Amino acid sequence: MIIEDTNSFHVVDEGFTMKEAIIEAKKCLNCKTPLCRKGCPIGNNIPDFIHALSMGNMGDAMSIINEKSNLPAICGRVCPHEKQCQGHCVLNKKGEPIQIGKLEQFIADFDTNMNLIRRKLPQKDRGKIAVIGSGPAGLTVAGDLARQGFNVTIFEGQSEPGGVLMYGIPEYRLPKKVVRAEISKIEALGVYFECNTLVGENGVNVDSLFRLGYDAIFMGTGTAVPQNMDSTPGAKLHGVSQSTYFLHNVSSFNEGAIGRNMVPLKNGEKVGVIGCGNVAMDAARTAIRLGANVTVLYRRTQEEMPAINSEYNDALKEGVKFEWETSVEEFIQGKNGRLAECRLKTPQGERIEKFDRIYLAIGSRPANRIVSTTAGIEVDEKGYVKVVDRPCGMTTRRGVFAGGDVVHRPQTVVLAMKAAKNVAQGIAQYVDAMKLLQVAKKVEEDHNADK
């Protein structure tokens, strides 16, 4: 069911009914060489879970998905399916690819609603792991290692886990109840959550975590510091702010945590969003829902925009306007000291245009809170953490691993998950090797003591 009301934060697409899901699943050709699976960054066994769904075997379908994904209800909603699994479906030739994302979403939601029985979990005696950050990378590492018998604790600076999933993606695209349900499943694997704990502050750092007995530490802190336009005149005027700050405040408002007056936008204002990635689309579509007149300003062409086409098309339908090959050369102050206008450079030449507010969505970079309080972790010139291939994801500090956006630059949820799954294997191998060395050392010490 699709909801057209853009003045609310209701989910735009509610997903399939049971009948619709099974009908869609029956379209699968079960190709000998499934291109859909090749298009999935984490290698989900798509034909098998679709086949199980087509027969009504929901438990089997969920088990198959769980072999590769810890966050299927989220991936089913926010992954760029048109560029990945669905975009590789052979039925694209007929213009009718299987709606793989919506099928994954349906199975995961069914599992949540029916509380299907889980597989038995191994004892948590293989090692003790600390995970810093509870975004897609952190949750993936925690889930994978918990399933393999590790005792995992996630440290999260916010009052509730989820990271960008909870605070950075609008409600109409990813309902908070879905994020909370997926996190509950991670918790059910035996993962502990320590919220309101910022690693790198108040005496909590990598060294203190090692002193608590953790065998390895994973940094999944993402890119929390947004890029700015400080070199552009007027960039610090009141009325020029970050899209991420705007989205976070709207999320908090929708949750009832803050009042509407705390959201930096008034009904009827003219808003410009600089950038054209998925964050820019989220900011633009959210501003539309709050009654703004919104224009996206992008310095390149439409063909070069990072946002996926479905997000762009939805933004167009909802009333967002776009100006291509357009950049802001100056933010101009009004009589009240706030932003009043922008000097734009366009293909037709320069012009002055009125804007009440500008939201920046031009990228982000990692914070240095952890690196600056820890010896031995190298970063590149932009602050991204350096890692090695073996053991996969380990930093230049032994036992400290990193993955996701803090290493690979901002990417999609599923690409952060892909990197994190590889690092989880590296962590497991490292801890096993270190424990084996400890056993060997004990054998040697006992032998020498008996002489």
Protein backbone atom coordinates (compact mmCIF):
# COMPACT_ATOMS: atom_id res chain seq x y z
CA MET A 1 0.00 0.00 0.00
CA ILE A 2 1.37 3.43 -0.98
CA ILE A 3 0.48 6.57 1.00
CA GLU A 4 0.44 9.84 -0.95
CA ASP A 5 0.13 12.32 1.96
CA THR A 6 3.40 14.27 1.90
CA ASN A 7 2.27 16.53 4.74
CA SER A 8 2.80 13.71 7.21
CA PHE A 9 5.59 11.37 8.21
CA HIS A 10 3.56 8.22 7.58
CA VAL A 11 5.41 5.48 5.71
CA VAL A 12 5.20 6.13 1.97
CA ASP A 13 5.15 2.42 1.06
CA GLU A 14 3.71 -0.03 3.60
CA GLY A 15 4.97 -3.08 1.69
CA PHE A 16 3.28 -6.27 0.50
CA THR A 17 0.36 -8.16 1.94
CA MET A 18 0.85 -11.93 2.34
CA LYS A 19 -0.99 -12.62 -0.92
CA GLU A 20 0.96 -9.97 -2.83
CA ALA A 21 4.28 -11.27 -1.49
CA ILE A 22 3.63 -14.87 -2.50
CA ILE A 23 2.41 -13.82 -5.97
CA GLU A 24 5.56 -11.71 -6.42
CA ALA A 25 7.79 -14.57 -5.17
CA LYS A 26 6.26 -16.98 -7.69
CA LYS A 27 7.62 -14.78 -10.51
CA CYS A 28 11.19 -15.86 -9.69
CA LEU A 29 12.74 -17.94 -12.49
CA ASN A 30 15.31 -19.55 -10.13
CA CYS A 31 18.08 -18.78 -12.63
CA LYS A 32 20.99 -21.20 -12.91
CA THR A 33 23.34 -18.24 -12.44
CA PRO A 34 21.40 -15.83 -10.19
CA LEU A 35 22.53 -12.34 -11.15
CA CYS A 36 20.47 -10.89 -8.30
CA ARG A 37 22.77 -12.59 -5.81
CA LYS A 38 25.83 -11.23 -7.62
CA GLY A 39 24.31 -7.76 -7.34
CA CYS A 40 23.88 -8.04 -3.56
CA PRO A 41 26.96 -6.67 -1.73
CA ILE A 42 26.60 -9.22 1.09
CA GLY A 43 25.79 -12.14 -1.23
CA ASN A 44 22.30 -12.85 0.11
CA ASN A 45 20.93 -16.18 -1.15
CA ILE A 46 18.04 -14.40 -2.84
CA PRO A 47 16.58 -17.20 -5.02
CA ASP A 48 16.44 -19.58 -2.04
CA PHE A 49 14.64 -17.22 0.33
CA ILE A 50 12.24 -16.19 -2.45
CA HIS A 51 11.53 -19.87 -3.21
CA ALA A 52 10.87 -20.59 0.47
CA LEU A 53 8.49 -17.61 0.57
CA SER A 54 6.68 -18.81 -2.56
CA MET A 55 5.82 -22.03 -0.68
CA GLY A 56 4.80 -20.13 2.46
CA ASN A 57 7.80 -21.39 4.46
CA MET A 58 8.43 -18.18 6.36
CA GLY A 59 10.75 -19.69 8.95
CA ASP A 60 12.99 -21.17 6.25
CA ALA A 61 12.99 -17.88 4.35
CA MET A 62 14.04 -15.98 7.48
CA SER A 63 16.77 -18.52 8.31
CA ILE A 64 18.23 -18.19 4.81
CA ILE A 65 18.31 -14.38 5.09
CA ASN A 66 19.87 -14.57 8.57
CA GLU A 67 22.83 -16.47 7.13
CA LYS A 68 23.98 -13.20 5.55
CA SER A 69 22.07 -10.29 7.08
CA ASN A 70 21.41 -9.07 10.60
CA LEU A 71 19.21 -6.16 9.48
CA PRO A 72 16.84 -7.42 6.75
CA ALA A 73 13.84 -5.25 7.70
CA ILE A 74 16.11 -2.21 7.34
CA CYS A 75 17.91 -3.32 4.17
CA GLY A 76 14.59 -4.21 2.58
CA ARG A 77 13.53 -0.59 3.00
CA VAL A 78 16.60 1.58 2.46
CA CYS A 79 19.01 -0.35 0.20
CA PRO A 80 19.41 1.00 -3.36
CA HIS A 81 17.85 -2.15 -4.83
CA GLU A 82 17.62 -0.67 -8.32
CA LYS A 83 21.44 -0.52 -8.42
CA GLN A 84 22.02 -3.86 -6.68
CA CYS A 85 19.96 -7.07 -6.46
CA GLN A 86 16.82 -5.88 -8.23
CA GLY A 87 18.84 -4.01 -10.84
CA HIS A 88 20.52 -7.30 -11.82
CA CYS A 89 17.30 -9.35 -12.11
CA VAL A 90 16.95 -10.86 -15.60
CA LEU A 91 13.30 -9.81 -15.66
CA ASN A 92 14.53 -6.22 -16.05
CA LYS A 93 14.59 -7.02 -19.77
CA LYS A 94 10.78 -7.09 -19.64
CA GLY A 95 10.65 -4.08 -17.35
CA GLU A 96 9.24 -6.20 -14.52
CA PRO A 97 12.07 -7.08 -12.11
CA ILE A 98 11.14 -8.95 -8.96
CA GLN A 99 10.66 -6.53 -6.04
CA ILE A 100 13.40 -8.18 -3.98
CA GLY A 101 13.67 -5.46 -1.37
CA LYS A 102 9.95 -5.54 -0.62
CA LEU A 103 10.04 -9.34 -0.34
CA GLU A 104 12.94 -9.14 2.12
CA GLN A 105 11.04 -6.47 4.06
CA PHE A 106 7.91 -8.65 4.13
CA ILE A 107 9.74 -11.71 5.46
CA ALA A 108 11.56 -9.73 8.15
CA ASP A 109 8.37 -7.95 9.25
CA PHE A 110 6.49 -11.27 9.37
CA ASP A 111 9.25 -12.71 11.54
CA THR A 112 9.00 -9.72 13.90
CA ASN A 113 5.21 -9.74 14.11
CA MET A 114 4.90 -13.51 14.60
CA ASN A 115 7.98 -13.82 16.84
CA LEU A 116 9.20 -16.97 15.08
CA ILE A 117 11.34 -19.42 17.04
CA ARG A 118 15.07 -18.75 16.79
CA ARG A 119 17.90 -21.21 16.41
CA LYS A 120 19.81 -22.25 19.51
CA LEU A 121 22.77 -19.99 20.23
CA PRO A 122 26.25 -21.16 21.25
CA GLN A 123 27.69 -20.44 24.70
CA LYS A 124 29.40 -17.03 24.88
CA ASP A 125 32.82 -18.40 25.83
CA ARG A 126 34.92 -17.76 22.73
CA GLY A 127 36.03 -14.24 23.67
CA LYS A 128 34.95 -10.78 24.84
CA ILE A 129 34.42 -8.06 22.23
CA ALA A 130 33.71 -4.32 22.61
CA VAL A 131 31.90 -2.60 19.73
CA ILE A 132 31.96 1.21 19.59
CA GLY A 133 28.93 2.56 17.76
CA SER A 134 25.55 0.97 17.04
CA GLY A 135 25.01 1.92 13.41
CA PRO A 136 24.86 -0.65 10.59
CA ALA A 137 28.54 -1.66 10.91
CA GLY A 138 28.49 -2.01 14.69
CA LEU A 139 25.23 -3.98 14.74
CA THR A 140 26.49 -6.30 12.00
CA VAL A 141 29.77 -7.07 13.77
CA ALA A 142 27.94 -7.60 17.06
CA GLY A 143 25.35 -9.91 15.52
CA ASP A 144 27.85 -11.99 13.57
CA LEU A 145 30.20 -12.46 16.53
CA ALA A 146 27.37 -13.21 18.99
CA ARG A 147 26.18 -15.99 16.67
CA GLN A 148 29.71 -17.40 16.72
CA GLY A 149 29.93 -17.62 20.52
CA PHE A 150 31.49 -14.27 21.43
CA ASN A 151 30.37 -12.12 24.35
CA VAL A 152 29.70 -8.70 22.79
CA THR A 153 28.97 -5.30 24.33
CA ILE A 154 28.05 -2.28 22.18
CA PHE A 155 28.96 1.19 23.48
CA GLU A 156 26.68 3.94 22.12
CA GLY A 157 26.91 7.68 22.82
CA GLN A 158 23.21 8.41 22.26
CA SER A 159 20.42 7.49 24.65
CA GLU A 160 19.16 4.81 22.24
CA PRO A 161 21.05 2.50 19.86
CA GLY A 162 20.74 2.64 16.08
CA GLY A 163 23.07 5.46 15.02
CA VAL A 164 22.21 6.82 11.58
CA LEU A 165 19.39 4.26 11.31
CA MET A 166 17.63 5.86 14.27
CA TYR A 167 18.54 9.53 13.88
CA GLY A 168 19.52 10.07 10.24
CA ILE A 169 16.85 8.39 8.08
CA PRO A 170 13.35 9.93 8.07
CA GLU A 171 10.40 8.11 9.60
CA TYR A 172 8.52 7.85 6.31
CA ARG A 173 11.40 5.83 4.82
CA LEU A 174 12.47 3.86 7.88
CA PRO A 175 10.05 3.79 10.84
CA LYS A 176 11.73 3.85 14.24
CA LYS A 177 9.68 0.84 15.34
CA VAL A 178 11.38 -1.19 12.60
CA VAL A 179 14.85 -0.14 13.79
CA ARG A 180 13.94 -0.95 17.39
CA ALA A 181 12.62 -4.37 16.37
CA GLU A 182 15.83 -5.21 14.50
CA ILE A 183 17.93 -4.06 17.45
CA SER A 184 15.82 -6.24 19.76
CA LYS A 185 16.74 -9.23 17.59
CA ILE A 186 20.43 -8.34 17.95
CA GLU A 187 19.90 -8.08 21.70
CA ALA A 188 18.20 -11.49 21.69
CA LEU A 189 21.47 -12.94 20.34
CA GLY A 190 23.03 -12.05 23.70
CA VAL A 191 24.50 -8.66 22.76
CA TYR A 192 24.64 -6.06 25.58
CA PHE A 193 24.11 -2.33 24.99
CA GLU A 194 25.76 0.44 27.01
CA CYS A 195 24.04 3.68 25.90
CA ASN A 196 24.94 7.25 26.92
CA THR A 197 28.58 6.16 26.81
CA LEU A 198 30.90 8.16 24.54
CA VAL A 199 34.17 6.32 24.08
CA GLY A 200 36.91 8.95 24.03
CA GLU A 201 35.40 11.04 26.82
CA ASN A 202 35.12 10.92 30.63
CA GLY A 203 37.93 8.42 31.01
CA VAL A 204 36.37 5.82 28.71
CA ASN A 205 38.78 4.99 25.90
CA VAL A 206 40.37 2.06 24.09
CA ASP A 207 42.93 1.52 26.84
CA SER A 208 40.29 1.43 29.58
CA LEU A 209 38.24 -1.08 27.57
CA PHE A 210 41.25 -3.37 27.22
CA ARG A 211 41.78 -3.10 30.99
CA LEU A 212 38.21 -4.34 31.44
CA GLY A 213 39.23 -7.57 29.74
CA TYR A 214 38.04 -7.15 26.18
CA ASP A 215 40.00 -9.30 23.73
CA ALA A 216 39.33 -7.02 20.76
CA ILE A 217 37.63 -3.71 20.02
CA PHE A 218 35.69 -2.70 16.92
CA MET A 219 35.29 0.94 15.86
CA GLY A 220 32.08 1.43 13.91
CA THR A 221 31.72 5.12 14.60
CA GLY A 222 30.84 6.25 11.07
CA THR A 223 31.34 9.80 9.85
CA ALA A 224 29.74 12.00 12.47
CA VAL A 225 31.26 15.34 11.44
CA PRO A 226 29.49 16.97 8.45
CA GLN A 227 31.47 18.89 5.84
CA ASN A 228 30.91 22.64 5.81
CA MET A 229 31.26 25.55 3.36
CA ASP A 230 33.28 27.85 5.62
CA SER A 231 35.32 29.14 2.67
CA THR A 232 32.14 30.54 1.09
CA PRO A 233 31.29 34.11 2.25
CA GLY A 234 28.41 34.13 4.73
CA ALA A 235 28.51 30.40 5.44
CA LYS A 236 28.21 30.97 9.19
CA LEU A 237 25.07 33.08 8.98
CA HIS A 238 22.09 32.03 11.06
CA GLY A 239 19.88 30.10 8.65
CA VAL A 240 22.71 28.05 7.12
CA SER A 241 22.85 24.67 8.86
CA GLN A 242 23.53 20.99 8.34
CA SER A 243 21.00 18.57 6.87
CA THR A 244 22.03 15.99 9.47
CA TYR A 245 21.23 18.42 12.31
CA PHE A 246 17.85 19.17 10.73
CA LEU A 247 17.02 15.47 10.26
CA HIS A 248 18.10 14.62 13.81
CA ASN A 249 15.86 17.34 15.23
CA VAL A 250 12.88 16.29 13.12
CA SER A 251 13.39 12.70 14.29
CA SER A 252 13.46 13.85 17.92
CA PHE A 253 10.33 15.97 17.34
CA ASN A 254 8.46 13.03 15.79
CA GLU A 255 9.43 10.95 18.83
CA GLY A 256 8.06 13.63 21.16
CA ALA A 257 11.48 14.33 22.68
CA ILE A 258 11.51 18.03 21.67
CA GLY A 259 8.96 20.64 20.67
CA ARG A 260 8.23 21.82 17.14
CA ASN A 261 9.99 25.12 17.91
CA MET A 262 13.28 23.20 18.17
CA VAL A 263 13.11 22.15 14.51
CA PRO A 264 15.04 24.73 12.43
CA LEU A 265 12.27 25.35 9.87
CA LYS A 266 9.04 27.34 9.75
CA ASN A 267 6.02 26.58 7.62
CA GLY A 268 6.15 28.37 4.27
CA GLU A 269 9.87 29.13 4.29
CA LYS A 270 11.90 28.93 1.10
CA VAL A 271 14.60 26.31 1.59
CA GLY A 272 17.66 25.39 -0.46
CA VAL A 273 19.41 22.05 -0.03
CA ILE A 274 23.00 21.96 -1.27
CA GLY A 275 24.03 18.52 -2.50
CA CYS A 276 22.24 15.70 -4.29
CA GLY A 277 22.96 12.49 -2.43
CA ASN A 278 20.47 10.46 -0.42
CA VAL A 279 20.91 12.71 2.65
CA ALA A 280 20.00 15.70 0.49
CA MET A 281 16.89 13.86 -0.73
CA ASP A 282 15.93 13.03 2.85
CA ALA A 283 16.36 16.66 3.93
CA ALA A 284 14.42 18.00 0.95
CA ARG A 285 11.51 15.58 1.31
CA THR A 286 11.39 16.14 5.07
CA ALA A 287 11.29 19.93 4.61
CA ILE A 288 8.43 19.52 2.12
CA ARG A 289 6.50 17.60 4.78
CA LEU A 290 6.95 20.51 7.17
CA GLY A 291 5.44 22.96 4.69
CA ALA A 292 8.55 24.42 3.06
CA ASN A 293 9.16 25.44 -0.55
CA VAL A 294 12.26 23.38 -1.41
CA THR A 295 14.91 23.59 -4.13
CA VAL A 296 17.90 21.28 -4.39
CA LEU A 297 21.04 23.05 -5.66
CA TYR A 298 23.59 20.71 -7.23
CA ARG A 299 26.87 21.74 -8.81
CA ARG A 300 26.91 18.86 -11.29
CA THR A 301 24.46 17.36 -13.79
CA GLN A 302 21.47 15.15 -13.05
CA GLU A 303 23.35 12.16 -14.50
CA GLU A 304 26.10 12.67 -11.92
CA MET A 305 23.89 12.85 -8.83
CA PRO A 306 24.76 10.26 -6.13
CA ALA A 307 21.11 9.80 -5.09
CA ILE A 308 19.27 6.77 -6.44
CA ASN A 309 16.65 7.46 -9.10
CA SER A 310 13.71 6.27 -7.02
CA GLU A 311 14.55 8.82 -4.30
CA TYR A 312 14.89 11.57 -6.89
CA ASN A 313 11.59 10.62 -8.56
CA ASP A 314 9.78 10.54 -5.22
CA ALA A 315 11.19 13.98 -4.38
CA LEU A 316 9.93 15.34 -7.72
CA LYS A 317 6.45 13.92 -7.13
CA GLU A 318 6.35 15.52 -3.71
CA GLY A 319 7.16 18.98 -5.07
CA VAL A 320 10.94 19.34 -4.66
CA LYS A 321 12.54 21.48 -7.39
CA PHE A 322 16.04 20.90 -8.76
CA GLU A 323 18.64 23.25 -10.22
CA TRP A 324 21.52 21.49 -11.95
CA GLU A 325 25.07 22.78 -12.41
CA THR A 326 24.30 25.41 -9.80
CA SER A 327 26.54 26.40 -6.91
CA VAL A 328 26.25 28.96 -4.10
CA GLU A 329 28.99 31.58 -4.36
CA GLU A 330 27.85 33.70 -1.40
CA PHE A 331 25.34 33.59 1.44
CA ILE A 332 23.93 37.11 1.80
CA GLN A 333 22.86 38.60 5.12
CA GLY A 334 19.51 40.37 5.55
CA LYS A 335 18.55 43.30 7.78
CA ASN A 336 17.88 40.99 10.73
CA GLY A 337 21.36 39.47 10.55
CA ARG A 338 20.05 36.17 9.18
CA LEU A 339 20.42 34.58 5.78
CA ALA A 340 18.26 36.40 3.27
CA GLU A 341 19.60 35.57 -0.19
CA CYS A 342 22.17 33.52 -2.07
CA ARG A 343 24.34 34.47 -5.00
CA LEU A 344 24.08 31.53 -7.38
CA LYS A 345 26.38 30.53 -10.21
CA THR A 346 24.31 28.80 -12.90
CA PRO A 347 24.77 27.78 -16.56
CA GLN A 348 22.85 30.97 -17.47
CA GLY A 349 25.14 33.16 -15.36
CA GLU A 350 25.05 34.56 -11.84
CA ARG A 351 21.86 35.66 -10.07
CA ILE A 352 20.65 36.58 -6.60
CA GLU A 353 17.81 34.50 -5.16
CA LYS A 354 15.90 34.72 -1.88
CA PHE A 355 16.26 31.83 0.59
CA ASP A 356 15.07 31.71 4.19
CA ARG A 357 17.16 28.66 4.98
CA ILE A 358 19.93 26.54 3.50
CA TYR A 359 20.71 22.95 4.51
CA LEU A 360 24.14 21.54 3.63
CA ALA A 361 24.36 17.92 2.46
CA ILE A 362 27.84 17.82 0.96
CA GLY A 363 29.33 14.88 2.82
CA SER A 364 30.84 14.06 6.19
CA ARG A 365 34.04 12.83 7.82
CA PRO A 366 34.99 10.89 10.97
CA ALA A 367 35.29 12.51 14.38
CA ASN A 368 38.72 12.15 16.00
CA ARG A 369 37.46 11.56 19.54
CA ILE A 370 38.68 7.94 19.75
CA VAL A 371 41.85 8.33 17.71
CA SER A 372 42.95 11.39 19.68
CA THR A 373 42.63 9.52 22.99
CA THR A 374 44.35 6.33 21.81
CA ALA A 375 48.00 5.77 20.94
CA GLY A 376 48.89 3.83 17.83
CA ILE A 377 45.85 4.22 15.55
CA GLU A 378 46.89 5.77 12.24
CA VAL A 379 44.53 7.77 10.05
CA ASP A 380 44.89 9.30 6.59
CA GLU A 381 44.98 13.02 5.80
CA LYS A 382 41.17 13.24 6.02
CA GLY A 383 40.85 11.36 9.30
CA TYR A 384 39.77 7.97 7.95
CA VAL A 385 41.18 5.03 9.89
CA LYS A 386 43.86 2.91 8.20
CA VAL A 387 43.36 -0.85 8.36
CA VAL A 388 45.18 -3.96 7.11
CA ASP A 389 43.91 -6.91 5.09
CA ARG A 390 45.13 -9.60 7.49
CA PRO A 391 43.59 -9.90 9.99
CA CYS A 392 40.86 -8.12 8.04
CA GLY A 393 40.05 -4.69 9.40
CA MET A 394 42.70 -4.41 12.11
CA THR A 395 44.09 -0.92 12.63
CA THR A 396 47.74 -0.13 13.35
CA ARG A 397 46.91 -0.72 17.04
CA ARG A 398 46.90 -4.43 17.81
CA GLY A 399 43.48 -5.74 18.75
CA VAL A 400 41.64 -2.63 17.56
CA PHE A 401 39.57 -3.08 14.40
CA ALA A 402 37.51 -0.67 12.31
CA GLY A 403 34.99 -0.90 9.51
CA GLY A 404 32.15 0.83 7.72
CA ASP A 405 32.14 4.55 6.90
CA VAL A 406 34.97 5.39 9.34
CA VAL A 407 37.28 3.43 6.98
CA HIS A 408 35.63 3.35 3.57
CA ARG A 409 34.05 6.82 3.35
CA PRO A 410 30.26 7.31 3.60
CA GLN A 411 28.43 4.51 1.84
CA THR A 412 25.04 2.81 1.89
CA VAL A 413 23.80 0.73 4.82
CA VAL A 414 24.42 -2.56 3.02
CA LEU A 415 27.98 -1.62 1.96
CA ALA A 416 28.79 -0.75 5.57
CA MET A 417 27.38 -4.17 6.50
CA LYS A 418 29.47 -5.90 3.84
CA ALA A 419 32.69 -4.38 5.19
CA ALA A 420 31.66 -5.14 8.76
CA LYS A 421 30.98 -8.82 8.01
CA ASN A 422 34.51 -9.21 6.67
CA VAL A 423 35.94 -7.47 9.73
CA ALA A 424 33.91 -9.72 12.04
CA GLN A 425 35.71 -12.70 10.54
CA GLY A 426 39.03 -10.93 11.03
CA ILE A 427 38.20 -10.31 14.70
CA ALA A 428 37.22 -13.94 15.24
CA GLN A 429 40.45 -15.17 13.65
CA TYR A 430 42.53 -12.73 15.69
CA VAL A 431 40.96 -13.64 19.04
CA ASP A 432 41.20 -17.37 18.32
CA ALA A 433 44.88 -16.99 17.37
CA MET A 434 45.70 -14.94 20.47
CA LYS A 435 44.00 -17.44 22.76
CA LEU A 436 45.85 -20.31 21.07
CA LEU A 437 49.13 -18.49 21.63
CA GLN A 438 48.22 -18.07 25.30
CA VAL A 439 47.62 -21.83 25.59
CA ALA A 440 50.95 -22.54 23.88
CA LYS A 441 52.73 -20.12 26.22
CA LYS A 442 51.13 -21.79 29.26
CA VAL A 443 52.26 -25.21 28.03
CA GLU A 444 55.81 -23.91 27.62
CA GLU A 445 55.78 -22.27 31.07
CA ASP A 446 54.48 -25.43 32.72
CA HIS A 447 57.14 -27.50 30.95
CA ASN A 448 59.92 -25.15 32.11
CA ALA A 449 58.57 -25.17 35.68
CA ASP A 450 58.73 -28.98 35.80
CA LYS A 451 62.44 -29.07 34.92
